[in-house]
Amino acid sequence: MLTKIAGSGALGLREQLGKGLFARVAGPDGPRNRARIHGTPGPRWFGPERPIRRVHSDASMFIGGLSALLLQSLHPLAMAAVAAHSGYRGDPWGRLQRTSTFLATTTFGTAAHAQEACAQVRAVHERVRGRTPEGESYHAADPHLLAWVHAAEVDSFLRAHQRYGARPLPEDGCDAYVADAARIAAELGVVDPPTNREELAGVLEAYRPELRASSQAREAARFLLLNPPVPLAARLPYGVLAANAVSLLPSWAARELRLPRLPVVDEWCVRPLGSAMTSAVRWVLAPSRPGTAPAAS
């Protein structure tokens, strides 16, 4: 009897925490969007067996997403566009909710809904123009900038999944994930996106001469890592995820952003805590009843 009560209490706690986290990530329209994404009949871009579904539904995305933002910030033109137009400071949760909905729609939704979501993003990018503090002009729809944002994102998501995912992909699965992501990138305006890890590595290396930590990038890093918009009770779990997002960065990127990296601390402290925290998030978001979709997707 006591075991049943304890088990029921654990399930109740999980459901409560899961609803709270889902509300933060998906926003007030989350339940309606989830029903639309998963419940609408029709062909999808990606079938149930595709690796993009495994990667984008795993709790490792919390670390991968943070790491992607840090890496993407190293292109001064991309960072200037984010600083001026994204509202990441004034409405950080809104930006996260829009991004998570886009990822869920393009990964799990119908082909028609995925195309609609990409068209909406392209329309937003077309309007985003301006100049950096140094006077360089930028346009968010520039295929060159789009290619950087895509490559940094895909690399970060895949790195996070292979390190913290519940079921890391096999070698050929990693290439297949990059190819899946290229389908979405092409719809967003990326020209000839990478379709395997070798091509992805080549794209990232080709951008190195353009990358540097601008004052806007360092300000964004301080906001994400030191002053996150999370409740006090969530600061410690968020701090673990943020530390692992930094640990996930390529060494040169962490140095450029002046983020501390100690290999021994990373290996023996940061990464084990990251694995534990990712497992905890995965437990919180797991379906409480057989046949129920995970809350995050």
C-alpha atoms as a PDB file:
ATOM      1  CA  MET A   1       0.000   0.000   0.000  1.00  0.00           C
ATOM      2  CA  LEU A   2       2.753   2.462   0.960  1.00  0.00           C
ATOM      3  CA  THR A   3       4.575   1.631  -2.263  1.00  0.00           C
ATOM      4  CA  LYS A   4       1.422   2.411  -4.254  1.00  0.00           C
ATOM      5  CA  ILE A   5       0.960   5.717  -2.441  1.00  0.00           C
ATOM      6  CA  ALA A   6       4.590   6.663  -3.002  1.00  0.00           C
ATOM      7  CA  GLY A   7       4.347   5.703  -6.666  1.00  0.00           C
ATOM      8  CA  SER A   8       1.160   7.720  -7.089  1.00  0.00           C
ATOM      9  CA  GLY A   9       2.813  10.699  -5.422  1.00  0.00           C
ATOM     10  CA  ALA A  10       5.811  10.474  -7.738  1.00  0.00           C
ATOM     11  CA  LEU A  11       3.553  10.339 -10.783  1.00  0.00           C
ATOM     12  CA  GLY A  12       1.608  13.338  -9.491  1.00  0.00           C
ATOM     13  CA  LEU A  13       4.801  15.304  -8.948  1.00  0.00           C
ATOM     14  CA  ARG A  14       6.059  14.380 -12.413  1.00  0.00           C
ATOM     15  CA  GLU A  15       2.802  15.473 -14.012  1.00  0.00           C
ATOM     16  CA  GLN A  16       2.828  18.780 -12.140  1.00  0.00           C
ATOM     17  CA  LEU A  17       6.452  19.539 -13.008  1.00  0.00           C
ATOM     18  CA  GLY A  18       5.910  18.410 -16.597  1.00  0.00           C
ATOM     19  CA  LYS A  19       2.933  20.724 -17.060  1.00  0.00           C
ATOM     20  CA  GLY A  20       4.904  23.640 -15.619  1.00  0.00           C
ATOM     21  CA  LEU A  21       7.912  23.043 -17.855  1.00  0.00           C
ATOM     22  CA  PHE A  22       5.741  22.489 -20.920  1.00  0.00           C
ATOM     23  CA  ALA A  23       3.890  25.742 -20.229  1.00  0.00           C
ATOM     24  CA  ARG A  24       7.196  27.609 -20.087  1.00  0.00           C
ATOM     25  CA  VAL A  25       8.603  26.091 -23.261  1.00  0.00           C
ATOM     26  CA  ALA A  26       5.433  25.896 -25.361  1.00  0.00           C
ATOM     27  CA  GLY A  27       3.499  28.902 -24.049  1.00  0.00           C
ATOM     28  CA  PRO A  28      -0.234  29.362 -23.446  1.00  0.00           C
ATOM     29  CA  ASP A  29      -1.098  27.939 -26.868  1.00  0.00           C
ATOM     30  CA  GLY A  30       1.038  24.848 -26.244  1.00  0.00           C
ATOM     31  CA  PRO A  31      -1.776  22.303 -25.757  1.00  0.00           C
ATOM     32  CA  ARG A  32      -3.636  23.564 -28.823  1.00  0.00           C
ATOM     33  CA  ASN A  33      -0.467  23.602 -30.944  1.00  0.00           C
ATOM     34  CA  ARG A  34       0.467  20.101 -29.786  1.00  0.00           C
ATOM     35  CA  ALA A  35      -2.954  18.754 -30.726  1.00  0.00           C
ATOM     36  CA  ARG A  36      -2.703  20.430 -34.136  1.00  0.00           C
ATOM     37  CA  ILE A  37       0.848  19.207 -34.783  1.00  0.00           C
ATOM     38  CA  HIS A  38       0.295  15.592 -33.773  1.00  0.00           C
ATOM     39  CA  GLY A  39      -3.417  15.194 -34.433  1.00  0.00           C
ATOM     40  CA  THR A  40      -3.820  16.582 -37.940  1.00  0.00           C
ATOM     41  CA  PRO A  41      -3.863  13.781 -40.523  1.00  0.00           C
ATOM     42  CA  GLY A  42      -1.723  14.050 -43.632  1.00  0.00           C
ATOM     43  CA  PRO A  43       1.741  13.312 -44.999  1.00  0.00           C
ATOM     44  CA  ARG A  44       4.778  14.439 -42.985  1.00  0.00           C
ATOM     45  CA  TRP A  45       8.239  15.480 -44.076  1.00  0.00           C
ATOM     46  CA  PHE A  46       9.700  12.916 -41.675  1.00  0.00           C
ATOM     47  CA  GLY A  47       8.383   9.483 -40.805  1.00  0.00           C
ATOM     48  CA  PRO A  48       8.494   7.982 -37.288  1.00  0.00           C
ATOM     49  CA  GLU A  49      11.795   6.212 -38.035  1.00  0.00           C
ATOM     50  CA  ARG A  50      13.712   9.353 -39.043  1.00  0.00           C
ATOM     51  CA  PRO A  51      16.573  10.451 -36.734  1.00  0.00           C
ATOM     52  CA  ILE A  52      15.396  14.071 -36.632  1.00  0.00           C
ATOM     53  CA  ARG A  53      12.407  12.906 -34.620  1.00  0.00           C
ATOM     54  CA  ARG A  54      14.631  11.136 -32.108  1.00  0.00           C
ATOM     55  CA  VAL A  55      16.927  14.144 -31.694  1.00  0.00           C
ATOM     56  CA  HIS A  56      14.277  16.849 -31.499  1.00  0.00           C
ATOM     57  CA  SER A  57      12.098  14.980 -28.989  1.00  0.00           C
ATOM     58  CA  ASP A  58      14.908  14.294 -26.522  1.00  0.00           C
ATOM     59  CA  ALA A  59      15.617  16.338 -23.377  1.00  0.00           C
ATOM     60  CA  SER A  60      19.180  16.921 -24.603  1.00  0.00           C
ATOM     61  CA  MET A  61      17.670  19.703 -26.747  1.00  0.00           C
ATOM     62  CA  PHE A  62      17.618  21.942 -23.678  1.00  0.00           C
ATOM     63  CA  ILE A  63      21.415  21.878 -23.588  1.00  0.00           C
ATOM     64  CA  GLY A  64      21.789  21.846 -27.364  1.00  0.00           C
ATOM     65  CA  GLY A  65      19.529  24.862 -27.760  1.00  0.00           C
ATOM     66  CA  LEU A  66      21.485  26.981 -25.291  1.00  0.00           C
ATOM     67  CA  SER A  67      24.775  25.953 -26.854  1.00  0.00           C
ATOM     68  CA  ALA A  68      23.443  26.791 -30.323  1.00  0.00           C
ATOM     69  CA  LEU A  69      22.517  30.315 -29.226  1.00  0.00           C
ATOM     70  CA  LEU A  70      26.028  30.891 -27.877  1.00  0.00           C
ATOM     71  CA  LEU A  71      27.677  29.543 -31.010  1.00  0.00           C
ATOM     72  CA  GLN A  72      25.391  31.439 -33.385  1.00  0.00           C
ATOM     73  CA  SER A  73      26.161  34.711 -31.574  1.00  0.00           C
ATOM     74  CA  LEU A  74      29.747  34.592 -32.840  1.00  0.00           C
ATOM     75  CA  HIS A  75      28.763  35.875 -36.263  1.00  0.00           C
ATOM     76  CA  PRO A  76      28.585  39.668 -35.749  1.00  0.00           C
ATOM     77  CA  LEU A  77      25.940  40.210 -38.437  1.00  0.00           C
ATOM     78  CA  ALA A  78      23.684  37.428 -37.159  1.00  0.00           C
ATOM     79  CA  MET A  79      24.124  38.654 -33.589  1.00  0.00           C
ATOM     80  CA  ALA A  80      23.310  42.246 -34.546  1.00  0.00           C
ATOM     81  CA  ALA A  81      20.062  41.076 -36.138  1.00  0.00           C
ATOM     82  CA  VAL A  82      19.147  39.104 -33.016  1.00  0.00           C
ATOM     83  CA  ALA A  83      20.014  41.989 -30.689  1.00  0.00           C
ATOM     84  CA  ALA A  84      17.950  44.501 -32.658  1.00  0.00           C
ATOM     85  CA  HIS A  85      14.953  42.454 -33.702  1.00  0.00           C
ATOM     86  CA  SER A  86      14.448  39.228 -31.741  1.00  0.00           C
ATOM     87  CA  GLY A  87      13.320  40.642 -28.409  1.00  0.00           C
ATOM     88  CA  TYR A  88      15.403  38.078 -26.561  1.00  0.00           C
ATOM     89  CA  ARG A  89      15.749  40.407 -23.565  1.00  0.00           C
ATOM     90  CA  GLY A  90      12.244  41.843 -23.438  1.00  0.00           C
ATOM     91  CA  ASP A  91      10.431  38.608 -24.284  1.00  0.00           C
ATOM     92  CA  PRO A  92      12.853  35.661 -23.927  1.00  0.00           C
ATOM     93  CA  TRP A  93      10.145  33.116 -23.163  1.00  0.00           C
ATOM     94  CA  GLY A  94       8.104  34.245 -26.148  1.00  0.00           C
ATOM     95  CA  ARG A  95      11.109  33.750 -28.399  1.00  0.00           C
ATOM     96  CA  LEU A  96      11.712  30.274 -26.943  1.00  0.00           C
ATOM     97  CA  GLN A  97       8.054  29.361 -27.382  1.00  0.00           C
ATOM     98  CA  ARG A  98       8.024  30.451 -31.016  1.00  0.00           C
ATOM     99  CA  THR A  99      11.224  28.504 -31.704  1.00  0.00           C
ATOM    100  CA  SER A 100      10.001  25.341 -29.979  1.00  0.00           C
ATOM    101  CA  THR A 101       6.704  25.497 -31.857  1.00  0.00           C
ATOM    102  CA  PHE A 102       8.536  25.893 -35.167  1.00  0.00           C
ATOM    103  CA  LEU A 103      10.792  22.912 -34.438  1.00  0.00           C
ATOM    104  CA  ALA A 104       7.853  20.753 -33.385  1.00  0.00           C
ATOM    105  CA  THR A 105       5.801  21.751 -36.425  1.00  0.00           C
ATOM    106  CA  THR A 106       8.536  21.092 -38.979  1.00  0.00           C
ATOM    107  CA  THR A 107       9.661  17.859 -37.303  1.00  0.00           C
ATOM    108  CA  PHE A 108       6.322  16.242 -36.423  1.00  0.00           C
ATOM    109  CA  GLY A 109       3.604  18.230 -38.201  1.00  0.00           C
ATOM    110  CA  THR A 110       2.022  17.723 -41.584  1.00  0.00           C
ATOM    111  CA  ALA A 111       3.925  18.781 -44.688  1.00  0.00           C
ATOM    112  CA  ALA A 112       1.392  21.561 -45.253  1.00  0.00           C
ATOM    113  CA  HIS A 113       1.840  22.925 -41.724  1.00  0.00           C
ATOM    114  CA  ALA A 114       5.639  22.641 -41.994  1.00  0.00           C
ATOM    115  CA  GLN A 115       5.667  24.594 -45.252  1.00  0.00           C
ATOM    116  CA  GLU A 116       3.391  27.220 -43.714  1.00  0.00           C
ATOM    117  CA  ALA A 117       5.705  27.580 -40.700  1.00  0.00           C
ATOM    118  CA  CYS A 118       8.750  28.006 -42.952  1.00  0.00           C
ATOM    119  CA  ALA A 119       6.938  30.590 -45.059  1.00  0.00           C
ATOM    120  CA  GLN A 120       6.127  32.600 -41.930  1.00  0.00           C
ATOM    121  CA  VAL A 121       9.763  32.555 -40.833  1.00  0.00           C
ATOM    122  CA  ARG A 122      10.937  33.590 -44.314  1.00  0.00           C
ATOM    123  CA  ALA A 123       8.532  36.538 -44.223  1.00  0.00           C
ATOM    124  CA  VAL A 124       9.937  37.652 -40.854  1.00  0.00           C
ATOM    125  CA  HIS A 125      13.525  37.296 -42.081  1.00  0.00           C
ATOM    126  CA  GLU A 126      12.735  39.388 -45.148  1.00  0.00           C
ATOM    127  CA  ARG A 127      11.753  42.339 -42.930  1.00  0.00           C
ATOM    128  CA  VAL A 128      14.805  42.154 -40.654  1.00  0.00           C
ATOM    129  CA  ARG A 129      17.420  44.584 -41.936  1.00  0.00           C
ATOM    130  CA  GLY A 130      19.796  47.001 -40.283  1.00  0.00           C
ATOM    131  CA  ARG A 131      23.375  47.848 -39.439  1.00  0.00           C
ATOM    132  CA  THR A 132      25.774  46.646 -36.785  1.00  0.00           C
ATOM    133  CA  PRO A 133      27.231  49.153 -34.282  1.00  0.00           C
ATOM    134  CA  GLU A 134      30.285  49.220 -36.593  1.00  0.00           C
ATOM    135  CA  GLY A 135      28.141  50.203 -39.575  1.00  0.00           C
ATOM    136  CA  GLU A 136      28.002  46.899 -41.465  1.00  0.00           C
ATOM    137  CA  SER A 137      24.637  46.167 -43.069  1.00  0.00           C
ATOM    138  CA  TYR A 138      22.792  42.907 -42.471  1.00  0.00           C
ATOM    139  CA  HIS A 139      19.681  41.213 -43.804  1.00  0.00           C
ATOM    140  CA  ALA A 140      18.297  38.177 -41.998  1.00  0.00           C
ATOM    141  CA  ALA A 141      17.193  36.640 -45.303  1.00  0.00           C
ATOM    142  CA  ASP A 142      20.772  36.632 -46.614  1.00  0.00           C
ATOM    143  CA  PRO A 143      21.445  32.971 -47.526  1.00  0.00           C
ATOM    144  CA  HIS A 144      24.994  33.289 -46.194  1.00  0.00           C
ATOM    145  CA  LEU A 145      23.762  34.260 -42.706  1.00  0.00           C
ATOM    146  CA  LEU A 146      21.007  31.667 -42.827  1.00  0.00           C
ATOM    147  CA  ALA A 147      23.593  28.988 -43.622  1.00  0.00           C
ATOM    148  CA  TRP A 148      25.655  29.933 -40.556  1.00  0.00           C
ATOM    149  CA  VAL A 149      22.662  29.906 -38.221  1.00  0.00           C
ATOM    150  CA  HIS A 150      21.579  26.528 -39.595  1.00  0.00           C
ATOM    151  CA  ALA A 151      25.019  24.918 -39.370  1.00  0.00           C
ATOM    152  CA  ALA A 152      25.594  26.132 -35.810  1.00  0.00           C
ATOM    153  CA  GLU A 153      22.179  24.897 -34.747  1.00  0.00           C
ATOM    154  CA  VAL A 154      22.436  21.458 -36.325  1.00  0.00           C
ATOM    155  CA  ASP A 155      25.943  20.929 -34.993  1.00  0.00           C
ATOM    156  CA  SER A 156      24.879  21.911 -31.467  1.00  0.00           C
ATOM    157  CA  PHE A 157      21.733  19.778 -31.455  1.00  0.00           C
ATOM    158  CA  LEU A 158      23.643  16.748 -32.712  1.00  0.00           C
ATOM    159  CA  ARG A 159      26.538  17.224 -30.271  1.00  0.00           C
ATOM    160  CA  ALA A 160      24.084  17.477 -27.378  1.00  0.00           C
ATOM    161  CA  HIS A 161      22.167  14.405 -28.446  1.00  0.00           C
ATOM    162  CA  GLN A 162      25.277  12.275 -28.844  1.00  0.00           C
ATOM    163  CA  ARG A 163      26.529  13.290 -25.402  1.00  0.00           C
ATOM    164  CA  TYR A 164      23.303  13.497 -23.369  1.00  0.00           C
ATOM    165  CA  GLY A 165      20.609  11.784 -25.450  1.00  0.00           C
ATOM    166  CA  ALA A 166      18.784   8.718 -24.183  1.00  0.00           C
ATOM    167  CA  ARG A 167      19.602   6.859 -27.412  1.00  0.00           C
ATOM    168  CA  PRO A 168      22.580   8.353 -29.255  1.00  0.00           C
ATOM    169  CA  LEU A 169      22.495   7.869 -32.998  1.00  0.00           C
ATOM    170  CA  PRO A 170      24.726   5.350 -34.771  1.00  0.00           C
ATOM    171  CA  GLU A 171      27.305   6.682 -37.241  1.00  0.00           C
ATOM    172  CA  ASP A 172      25.017   6.589 -40.245  1.00  0.00           C
ATOM    173  CA  GLY A 173      22.186   8.006 -38.170  1.00  0.00           C
ATOM    174  CA  CYS A 174      24.206  11.152 -37.505  1.00  0.00           C
ATOM    175  CA  ASP A 175      24.606  11.740 -41.234  1.00  0.00           C
ATOM    176  CA  ALA A 176      20.903  11.047 -41.713  1.00  0.00           C
ATOM    177  CA  TYR A 177      20.038  13.634 -39.067  1.00  0.00           C
ATOM    178  CA  VAL A 178      22.080  16.288 -40.888  1.00  0.00           C
ATOM    179  CA  ALA A 179      20.296  15.324 -44.115  1.00  0.00           C
ATOM    180  CA  ASP A 180      16.885  15.570 -42.424  1.00  0.00           C
ATOM    181  CA  ALA A 181      17.703  19.025 -41.074  1.00  0.00           C
ATOM    182  CA  ALA A 182      18.798  20.104 -44.546  1.00  0.00           C
ATOM    183  CA  ARG A 183      15.212  19.582 -45.725  1.00  0.00           C
ATOM    184  CA  ILE A 184      14.011  22.311 -43.362  1.00  0.00           C
ATOM    185  CA  ALA A 185      16.998  24.569 -44.071  1.00  0.00           C
ATOM    186  CA  ALA A 186      16.307  24.552 -47.794  1.00  0.00           C
ATOM    187  CA  GLU A 187      12.717  25.653 -47.153  1.00  0.00           C
ATOM    188  CA  LEU A 188      14.053  28.566 -45.091  1.00  0.00           C
ATOM    189  CA  GLY A 189      16.318  29.767 -47.885  1.00  0.00           C
ATOM    190  CA  VAL A 190      19.648  28.073 -47.177  1.00  0.00           C
ATOM    191  CA  VAL A 191      21.404  27.301 -50.435  1.00  0.00           C
ATOM    192  CA  ASP A 192      22.903  23.808 -50.677  1.00  0.00           C
ATOM    193  CA  PRO A 193      22.789  22.981 -46.929  1.00  0.00           C
ATOM    194  CA  PRO A 194      25.109  20.222 -45.664  1.00  0.00           C
ATOM    195  CA  THR A 195      23.692  16.707 -45.829  1.00  0.00           C
ATOM    196  CA  ASN A 196      26.252  14.798 -43.746  1.00  0.00           C
ATOM    197  CA  ARG A 197      28.692  15.447 -40.901  1.00  0.00           C
ATOM    198  CA  GLU A 198      31.689  15.890 -43.160  1.00  0.00           C
ATOM    199  CA  GLU A 199      29.955  18.624 -45.120  1.00  0.00           C
ATOM    200  CA  LEU A 200      28.702  20.190 -41.880  1.00  0.00           C
ATOM    201  CA  ALA A 201      32.227  20.339 -40.465  1.00  0.00           C
ATOM    202  CA  GLY A 202      33.415  21.942 -43.692  1.00  0.00           C
ATOM    203  CA  VAL A 203      30.733  24.626 -43.517  1.00  0.00           C
ATOM    204  CA  LEU A 204      31.568  25.465 -39.890  1.00  0.00           C
ATOM    205  CA  GLU A 205      35.275  25.692 -40.676  1.00  0.00           C
ATOM    206  CA  ALA A 206      34.637  27.934 -43.686  1.00  0.00           C
ATOM    207  CA  TYR A 207      32.943  30.511 -41.427  1.00  0.00           C
ATOM    208  CA  ARG A 208      35.789  30.721 -38.912  1.00  0.00           C
ATOM    209  CA  PRO A 209      37.434  33.848 -40.439  1.00  0.00           C
ATOM    210  CA  GLU A 210      34.126  35.738 -40.056  1.00  0.00           C
ATOM    211  CA  LEU A 211      33.484  34.793 -36.446  1.00  0.00           C
ATOM    212  CA  ARG A 212      34.291  36.854 -33.380  1.00  0.00           C
ATOM    213  CA  ALA A 213      32.704  37.718 -30.073  1.00  0.00           C
ATOM    214  CA  SER A 214      31.268  41.207 -30.507  1.00  0.00           C
ATOM    215  CA  SER A 215      30.199  43.218 -27.484  1.00  0.00           C
ATOM    216  CA  GLN A 216      26.625  42.198 -28.334  1.00  0.00           C
ATOM    217  CA  ALA A 217      27.610  38.516 -28.298  1.00  0.00           C
ATOM    218  CA  ARG A 218      29.270  38.789 -24.887  1.00  0.00           C
ATOM    219  CA  GLU A 219      26.273  40.692 -23.553  1.00  0.00           C
ATOM    220  CA  ALA A 220      23.966  37.947 -24.818  1.00  0.00           C
ATOM    221  CA  ALA A 221      26.174  35.293 -23.206  1.00  0.00           C
ATOM    222  CA  ARG A 222      26.046  37.118 -19.866  1.00  0.00           C
ATOM    223  CA  PHE A 223      22.266  37.318 -20.120  1.00  0.00           C
ATOM    224  CA  LEU A 224      21.875  33.624 -20.953  1.00  0.00           C
ATOM    225  CA  LEU A 225      24.392  32.336 -18.423  1.00  0.00           C
ATOM    226  CA  LEU A 226      24.338  34.805 -15.523  1.00  0.00           C
ATOM    227  CA  ASN A 227      20.980  36.591 -15.638  1.00  0.00           C
ATOM    228  CA  PRO A 228      18.516  34.070 -17.079  1.00  0.00           C
ATOM    229  CA  PRO A 229      14.793  34.876 -16.873  1.00  0.00           C
ATOM    230  CA  VAL A 230      13.989  31.870 -14.677  1.00  0.00           C
ATOM    231  CA  PRO A 231      12.428  31.667 -11.206  1.00  0.00           C
ATOM    232  CA  LEU A 232      14.793  31.510  -8.253  1.00  0.00           C
ATOM    233  CA  ALA A 233      13.891  27.873  -7.563  1.00  0.00           C
ATOM    234  CA  ALA A 234      14.938  26.926 -11.093  1.00  0.00           C
ATOM    235  CA  ARG A 235      18.292  28.732 -11.052  1.00  0.00           C
ATOM    236  CA  LEU A 236      20.303  25.683  -9.948  1.00  0.00           C
ATOM    237  CA  PRO A 237      18.878  23.265 -12.582  1.00  0.00           C
ATOM    238  CA  TYR A 238      19.224  25.964 -15.229  1.00  0.00           C
ATOM    239  CA  GLY A 239      22.795  26.594 -14.121  1.00  0.00           C
ATOM    240  CA  VAL A 240      23.642  22.929 -14.669  1.00  0.00           C
ATOM    241  CA  LEU A 241      22.151  23.032 -18.165  1.00  0.00           C
ATOM    242  CA  ALA A 242      23.966  26.298 -18.946  1.00  0.00           C
ATOM    243  CA  ALA A 243      27.326  24.955 -17.726  1.00  0.00           C
ATOM    244  CA  ASN A 244      26.895  21.958 -20.002  1.00  0.00           C
ATOM    245  CA  ALA A 245      25.941  24.204 -22.916  1.00  0.00           C
ATOM    246  CA  VAL A 246      29.308  25.933 -22.455  1.00  0.00           C
ATOM    247  CA  SER A 247      31.053  22.561 -22.109  1.00  0.00           C
ATOM    248  CA  LEU A 248      29.487  21.505 -25.419  1.00  0.00           C
ATOM    249  CA  LEU A 249      30.958  24.446 -27.350  1.00  0.00           C
ATOM    250  CA  PRO A 250      34.061  23.973 -29.472  1.00  0.00           C
ATOM    251  CA  SER A 251      37.072  25.132 -27.446  1.00  0.00           C
ATOM    252  CA  TRP A 252      37.788  28.056 -29.771  1.00  0.00           C
ATOM    253  CA  ALA A 253      34.201  29.328 -29.383  1.00  0.00           C
ATOM    254  CA  ALA A 254      34.357  29.229 -25.576  1.00  0.00           C
ATOM    255  CA  ARG A 255      37.667  31.124 -25.646  1.00  0.00           C
ATOM    256  CA  GLU A 256      36.243  33.736 -28.002  1.00  0.00           C
ATOM    257  CA  LEU A 257      33.318  34.356 -25.642  1.00  0.00           C
ATOM    258  CA  ARG A 258      35.703  34.354 -22.644  1.00  0.00           C
ATOM    259  CA  LEU A 259      33.822  31.517 -21.003  1.00  0.00           C
ATOM    260  CA  PRO A 260      35.817  29.449 -18.490  1.00  0.00           C
ATOM    261  CA  ARG A 261      36.567  25.869 -19.448  1.00  0.00           C
ATOM    262  CA  LEU A 262      38.538  23.487 -17.228  1.00  0.00           C
ATOM    263  CA  PRO A 263      38.826  20.038 -18.859  1.00  0.00           C
ATOM    264  CA  VAL A 264      39.115  18.165 -15.546  1.00  0.00           C
ATOM    265  CA  VAL A 265      36.085  19.957 -14.072  1.00  0.00           C
ATOM    266  CA  ASP A 266      34.145  19.386 -17.303  1.00  0.00           C
ATOM    267  CA  GLU A 267      34.849  15.662 -17.316  1.00  0.00           C
ATOM    268  CA  TRP A 268      34.360  14.879 -13.638  1.00  0.00           C
ATOM    269  CA  CYS A 269      31.732  17.392 -12.571  1.00  0.00           C
ATOM    270  CA  VAL A 270      29.956  19.356 -15.309  1.00  0.00           C
ATOM    271  CA  ARG A 271      29.166  16.516 -17.706  1.00  0.00           C
ATOM    272  CA  PRO A 272      27.970  13.988 -15.083  1.00  0.00           C
ATOM    273  CA  LEU A 273      25.682  16.660 -13.640  1.00  0.00           C
ATOM    274  CA  GLY A 274      24.471  17.435 -17.142  1.00  0.00           C
ATOM    275  CA  SER A 275      23.626  13.803 -17.774  1.00  0.00           C
ATOM    276  CA  ALA A 276      21.766  13.601 -14.468  1.00  0.00           C
ATOM    277  CA  MET A 277      19.839  16.805 -15.114  1.00  0.00           C
ATOM    278  CA  THR A 278      18.920  15.740 -18.651  1.00  0.00           C
ATOM    279  CA  SER A 279      17.638  12.444 -17.279  1.00  0.00           C
ATOM    280  CA  ALA A 280      15.573  14.347 -14.717  1.00  0.00           C
ATOM    281  CA  VAL A 281      14.046  16.565 -17.408  1.00  0.00           C
ATOM    282  CA  ARG A 282      13.351  13.479 -19.501  1.00  0.00           C
ATOM    283  CA  TRP A 283      11.547  11.861 -16.536  1.00  0.00           C
ATOM    284  CA  VAL A 284       9.506  15.007 -15.933  1.00  0.00           C
ATOM    285  CA  LEU A 285       8.412  15.207 -19.563  1.00  0.00           C
ATOM    286  CA  ALA A 286       7.765  11.479 -19.981  1.00  0.00           C
ATOM    287  CA  PRO A 287       4.152  10.427 -20.654  1.00  0.00           C
ATOM    288  CA  SER A 288       2.417   9.380 -17.452  1.00  0.00           C
ATOM    289  CA  ARG A 289       0.110   6.957 -19.284  1.00  0.00           C
ATOM    290  CA  PRO A 290       0.879   4.429 -22.022  1.00  0.00           C
ATOM    291  CA  GLY A 291       0.235   5.825 -25.465  1.00  0.00           C
ATOM    292  CA  THR A 292       0.541   9.469 -24.394  1.00  0.00           C
ATOM    293  CA  ALA A 293       2.881  11.680 -26.405  1.00  0.00           C
ATOM    294  CA  PRO A 294       5.812  13.260 -24.537  1.00  0.00           C
ATOM    295  CA  ALA A 295       4.990  16.730 -23.276  1.00  0.00           C
ATOM    296  CA  ALA A 296       7.890  18.388 -25.059  1.00  0.00           C
ATOM    297  CA  SER A 297       6.913  17.438 -28.585  1.00  0.00           C
END
